[in-house]
Amino acid sequence: MNIGEAVKERILELCREHDISVNKLSSMSGVTQSTVNNIVSGRNNSATVSTIKKLCDGLGITIEEFFNSELFRGLEQEIK
């Protein structure tokens, strides 16, 4: 798994935990619906830290909580 896939899975996991849709997350966070949809569909594999921070703010969690997941442990090295 690479970082883009891990971010996508984490967003979907958090939406399930908070019982909200991806579209609801976009309105709660102020991130455009197309940006969030591109991340979770895999069309955008390089979400910015700023975007992730906005999503965290919308969910009421810290960026540390976002990355505190098994999904981010043992990621593939991006530069080979």
C-alpha atoms as a PDB file:
ATOM      1  CA  MET A   1       0.000   0.000   0.000  1.00  0.00           C
ATOM      2  CA  ASN A   2       1.256   3.499  -0.777  1.00  0.00           C
ATOM      3  CA  ILE A   3       0.508   6.754   1.050  1.00  0.00           C
ATOM      4  CA  GLY A   4      -2.277   7.764  -1.362  1.00  0.00           C
ATOM      5  CA  GLU A   5      -4.104   4.474  -0.839  1.00  0.00           C
ATOM      6  CA  ALA A   6      -3.646   4.736   2.932  1.00  0.00           C
ATOM      7  CA  VAL A   7      -5.076   8.287   2.998  1.00  0.00           C
ATOM      8  CA  LYS A   8      -8.054   7.143   0.913  1.00  0.00           C
ATOM      9  CA  GLU A   9      -8.757   4.181   3.211  1.00  0.00           C
ATOM     10  CA  ARG A  10      -8.356   6.323   6.331  1.00  0.00           C
ATOM     11  CA  ILE A  11     -10.861   8.899   5.069  1.00  0.00           C
ATOM     12  CA  LEU A  12     -13.382   6.156   4.292  1.00  0.00           C
ATOM     13  CA  GLU A  13     -12.742   4.548   7.683  1.00  0.00           C
ATOM     14  CA  LEU A  14     -13.303   7.863   9.507  1.00  0.00           C
ATOM     15  CA  CYS A  15     -16.509   8.521   7.551  1.00  0.00           C
ATOM     16  CA  ARG A  16     -17.809   5.111   8.674  1.00  0.00           C
ATOM     17  CA  GLU A  17     -16.780   5.776  12.282  1.00  0.00           C
ATOM     18  CA  HIS A  18     -18.532   9.150  12.280  1.00  0.00           C
ATOM     19  CA  ASP A  19     -21.505   7.756  10.311  1.00  0.00           C
ATOM     20  CA  ILE A  20     -21.236  10.402   7.597  1.00  0.00           C
ATOM     21  CA  SER A  21     -20.955  10.318   3.835  1.00  0.00           C
ATOM     22  CA  VAL A  22     -17.957  11.562   1.910  1.00  0.00           C
ATOM     23  CA  ASN A  23     -20.128  14.414   0.626  1.00  0.00           C
ATOM     24  CA  LYS A  24     -21.076  15.365   4.198  1.00  0.00           C
ATOM     25  CA  LEU A  25     -17.386  15.368   5.114  1.00  0.00           C
ATOM     26  CA  SER A  26     -16.656  17.767   2.276  1.00  0.00           C
ATOM     27  CA  SER A  27     -19.295  20.227   3.489  1.00  0.00           C
ATOM     28  CA  MET A  28     -18.159  19.891   7.124  1.00  0.00           C
ATOM     29  CA  SER A  29     -14.531  20.532   6.209  1.00  0.00           C
ATOM     30  CA  GLY A  30     -14.812  23.139   3.472  1.00  0.00           C
ATOM     31  CA  VAL A  31     -12.936  20.905   1.027  1.00  0.00           C
ATOM     32  CA  THR A  32     -14.623  20.773  -2.342  1.00  0.00           C
ATOM     33  CA  GLN A  33     -16.694  17.722  -3.060  1.00  0.00           C
ATOM     34  CA  SER A  34     -14.700  17.025  -6.214  1.00  0.00           C
ATOM     35  CA  THR A  35     -11.415  17.032  -4.273  1.00  0.00           C
ATOM     36  CA  VAL A  36     -12.693  14.589  -1.654  1.00  0.00           C
ATOM     37  CA  ASN A  37     -14.282  12.395  -4.328  1.00  0.00           C
ATOM     38  CA  ASN A  38     -11.012  12.365  -6.299  1.00  0.00           C
ATOM     39  CA  ILE A  39      -9.097  11.259  -3.203  1.00  0.00           C
ATOM     40  CA  VAL A  40     -11.481   8.455  -2.248  1.00  0.00           C
ATOM     41  CA  SER A  41     -11.882   7.249  -5.836  1.00  0.00           C
ATOM     42  CA  GLY A  42      -8.116   6.998  -6.249  1.00  0.00           C
ATOM     43  CA  ARG A  43      -7.913   9.629  -9.013  1.00  0.00           C
ATOM     44  CA  ASN A  44      -5.854  11.839  -6.659  1.00  0.00           C
ATOM     45  CA  ASN A  45      -3.106   9.916  -4.875  1.00  0.00           C
ATOM     46  CA  SER A  46      -1.334  12.968  -3.484  1.00  0.00           C
ATOM     47  CA  ALA A  47      -3.652  14.855  -1.151  1.00  0.00           C
ATOM     48  CA  THR A  48      -1.896  17.823   0.400  1.00  0.00           C
ATOM     49  CA  VAL A  49      -1.265  18.086   4.105  1.00  0.00           C
ATOM     50  CA  SER A  50      -3.408  21.228   4.035  1.00  0.00           C
ATOM     51  CA  THR A  51      -6.353  19.265   2.606  1.00  0.00           C
ATOM     52  CA  ILE A  52      -5.916  16.501   5.163  1.00  0.00           C
ATOM     53  CA  LYS A  53      -5.800  19.118   7.948  1.00  0.00           C
ATOM     54  CA  LYS A  54      -9.085  20.636   6.727  1.00  0.00           C
ATOM     55  CA  LEU A  55     -10.699  17.182   6.679  1.00  0.00           C
ATOM     56  CA  CYS A  56      -9.437  16.609  10.236  1.00  0.00           C
ATOM     57  CA  ASP A  57     -10.870  19.955  11.345  1.00  0.00           C
ATOM     58  CA  GLY A  58     -14.224  18.993   9.835  1.00  0.00           C
ATOM     59  CA  LEU A  59     -14.155  15.694  11.723  1.00  0.00           C
ATOM     60  CA  GLY A  60     -13.028  17.334  14.948  1.00  0.00           C
ATOM     61  CA  ILE A  61      -9.820  15.305  15.144  1.00  0.00           C
ATOM     62  CA  THR A  62      -6.153  16.220  15.116  1.00  0.00           C
ATOM     63  CA  ILE A  63      -3.856  15.453  12.229  1.00  0.00           C
ATOM     64  CA  GLU A  64      -1.985  13.196  14.642  1.00  0.00           C
ATOM     65  CA  GLU A  65      -5.192  11.185  15.170  1.00  0.00           C
ATOM     66  CA  PHE A  66      -5.644  10.942  11.413  1.00  0.00           C
ATOM     67  CA  PHE A  67      -2.238   9.349  10.924  1.00  0.00           C
ATOM     68  CA  ASN A  68      -2.451   7.216  14.082  1.00  0.00           C
ATOM     69  CA  SER A  69      -3.677   4.158  12.203  1.00  0.00           C
ATOM     70  CA  GLU A  70      -2.296   0.784  11.186  1.00  0.00           C
ATOM     71  CA  LEU A  71      -2.812   1.924   7.598  1.00  0.00           C
ATOM     72  CA  PHE A  72       0.261   4.159   7.850  1.00  0.00           C
ATOM     73  CA  ARG A  73       2.586   1.595   9.386  1.00  0.00           C
ATOM     74  CA  GLY A  74       4.839  -0.255   6.993  1.00  0.00           C
ATOM     75  CA  LEU A  75       4.043   1.818   3.918  1.00  0.00           C
ATOM     76  CA  GLU A  76       5.976   1.157   0.755  1.00  0.00           C
ATOM     77  CA  GLN A  77       8.946   3.419   0.150  1.00  0.00           C
ATOM     78  CA  GLU A  78       7.819   6.076  -2.345  1.00  0.00           C
ATOM     79  CA  ILE A  79      11.273   6.674  -3.868  1.00  0.00           C
ATOM     80  CA  LYS A  80      12.987   3.595  -5.221  1.00  0.00           C
END
